[in-house]
Amino acid sequence: MQYTVIGVWQDDKPVVTGVVTGHHEIYGGDEETFTDGLWFARVAAGDVADAEQIAKTEAIENAL
């Protein structure tokens, strides 16, 4: 299944804030509150927990 995972950077670590099924474009976000940055990733995974882990790994490896 395809997922879009949305997150923020906090203390140099990616933190997942939401997961939705399917591939979606993500726009905006509150960069004033989340000054370490925002990120999202589109991944293929078996379930939501796998999607979160894959996306966090991608965020770290690709500095999303």
C-alpha atoms as a PDB file:
ATOM      1  CA  MET A   1       0.000   0.000   0.000  1.00  0.00           C
ATOM      2  CA  GLN A   2       1.108   3.579  -0.638  1.00  0.00           C
ATOM      3  CA  TYR A   3       1.309   6.121   2.188  1.00  0.00           C
ATOM      4  CA  THR A   4       2.180   9.793   2.579  1.00  0.00           C
ATOM      5  CA  VAL A   5       3.916  10.418   5.900  1.00  0.00           C
ATOM      6  CA  ILE A   6       4.090  13.948   7.316  1.00  0.00           C
ATOM      7  CA  GLY A   7       6.445  15.065  10.045  1.00  0.00           C
ATOM      8  CA  VAL A   8       8.592  17.668  11.735  1.00  0.00           C
ATOM      9  CA  TRP A   9      12.219  17.766  12.777  1.00  0.00           C
ATOM     10  CA  GLN A  10      12.703  17.986  16.531  1.00  0.00           C
ATOM     11  CA  ASP A  11      16.104  17.840  18.231  1.00  0.00           C
ATOM     12  CA  ASP A  12      17.661  16.694  14.931  1.00  0.00           C
ATOM     13  CA  LYS A  13      15.280  13.712  14.709  1.00  0.00           C
ATOM     14  CA  PRO A  14      12.316  13.180  12.378  1.00  0.00           C
ATOM     15  CA  VAL A  15       9.002  12.994  14.261  1.00  0.00           C
ATOM     16  CA  VAL A  16       5.934  11.665  12.453  1.00  0.00           C
ATOM     17  CA  THR A  17       2.835  13.838  12.871  1.00  0.00           C
ATOM     18  CA  GLY A  18       0.501  11.999  10.509  1.00  0.00           C
ATOM     19  CA  VAL A  19       0.086   9.242   7.943  1.00  0.00           C
ATOM     20  CA  VAL A  20      -2.498   9.110   5.141  1.00  0.00           C
ATOM     21  CA  THR A  21      -3.084   6.378   2.601  1.00  0.00           C
ATOM     22  CA  GLY A  22      -2.154   7.165  -0.973  1.00  0.00           C
ATOM     23  CA  HIS A  23       0.259   9.606  -2.576  1.00  0.00           C
ATOM     24  CA  HIS A  24      -0.572  13.230  -1.837  1.00  0.00           C
ATOM     25  CA  GLU A  25       1.041  16.596  -2.458  1.00  0.00           C
ATOM     26  CA  ILE A  26       1.773  18.444   0.775  1.00  0.00           C
ATOM     27  CA  TYR A  27       1.781  22.239   0.917  1.00  0.00           C
ATOM     28  CA  GLY A  28       2.290  24.776   3.673  1.00  0.00           C
ATOM     29  CA  GLY A  29       3.003  24.072   7.296  1.00  0.00           C
ATOM     30  CA  ASP A  30       3.893  26.147  10.319  1.00  0.00           C
ATOM     31  CA  GLU A  31       7.614  26.731   9.943  1.00  0.00           C
ATOM     32  CA  GLU A  32       7.508  29.474  12.582  1.00  0.00           C
ATOM     33  CA  THR A  33       6.450  26.977  15.268  1.00  0.00           C
ATOM     34  CA  PHE A  34       8.524  24.076  13.920  1.00  0.00           C
ATOM     35  CA  THR A  35      11.736  25.965  13.347  1.00  0.00           C
ATOM     36  CA  ASP A  36      13.794  22.774  12.927  1.00  0.00           C
ATOM     37  CA  GLY A  37      11.816  22.082   9.757  1.00  0.00           C
ATOM     38  CA  LEU A  38       8.977  20.128   8.224  1.00  0.00           C
ATOM     39  CA  TRP A  39       9.187  17.040   6.005  1.00  0.00           C
ATOM     40  CA  PHE A  40       7.071  14.495   4.168  1.00  0.00           C
ATOM     41  CA  ALA A  41       7.722  11.272   2.319  1.00  0.00           C
ATOM     42  CA  ARG A  42       5.708   9.028   0.030  1.00  0.00           C
ATOM     43  CA  VAL A  43       6.441   5.368   0.717  1.00  0.00           C
ATOM     44  CA  ALA A  44       5.234   1.861  -0.062  1.00  0.00           C
ATOM     45  CA  ALA A  45       4.698  -0.204   3.077  1.00  0.00           C
ATOM     46  CA  GLY A  46       2.655  -3.074   4.479  1.00  0.00           C
ATOM     47  CA  ASP A  47       1.050  -0.999   7.225  1.00  0.00           C
ATOM     48  CA  VAL A  48       1.132   2.375   8.964  1.00  0.00           C
ATOM     49  CA  ALA A  49       3.869   1.399  11.438  1.00  0.00           C
ATOM     50  CA  ASP A  50       6.131   0.254   8.594  1.00  0.00           C
ATOM     51  CA  ALA A  51       5.345   3.435   6.652  1.00  0.00           C
ATOM     52  CA  GLU A  52       6.396   5.570   9.620  1.00  0.00           C
ATOM     53  CA  GLN A  53       9.698   3.733  10.022  1.00  0.00           C
ATOM     54  CA  ILE A  54      10.525   3.784   6.306  1.00  0.00           C
ATOM     55  CA  ALA A  55       9.691   7.493   6.076  1.00  0.00           C
ATOM     56  CA  LYS A  56      11.814   8.391   9.116  1.00  0.00           C
ATOM     57  CA  THR A  57      14.741   6.471   7.630  1.00  0.00           C
ATOM     58  CA  GLU A  58      14.281   8.286   4.300  1.00  0.00           C
ATOM     59  CA  ALA A  59      14.079  11.643   6.080  1.00  0.00           C
ATOM     60  CA  ILE A  60      17.399  10.986   7.840  1.00  0.00           C
ATOM     61  CA  GLU A  61      19.181   9.598   4.781  1.00  0.00           C
ATOM     62  CA  ASN A  62      17.938  12.285   2.400  1.00  0.00           C
ATOM     63  CA  ALA A  63      17.726  15.244   4.815  1.00  0.00           C
ATOM     64  CA  LEU A  64      14.133  15.876   3.719  1.00  0.00           C
END
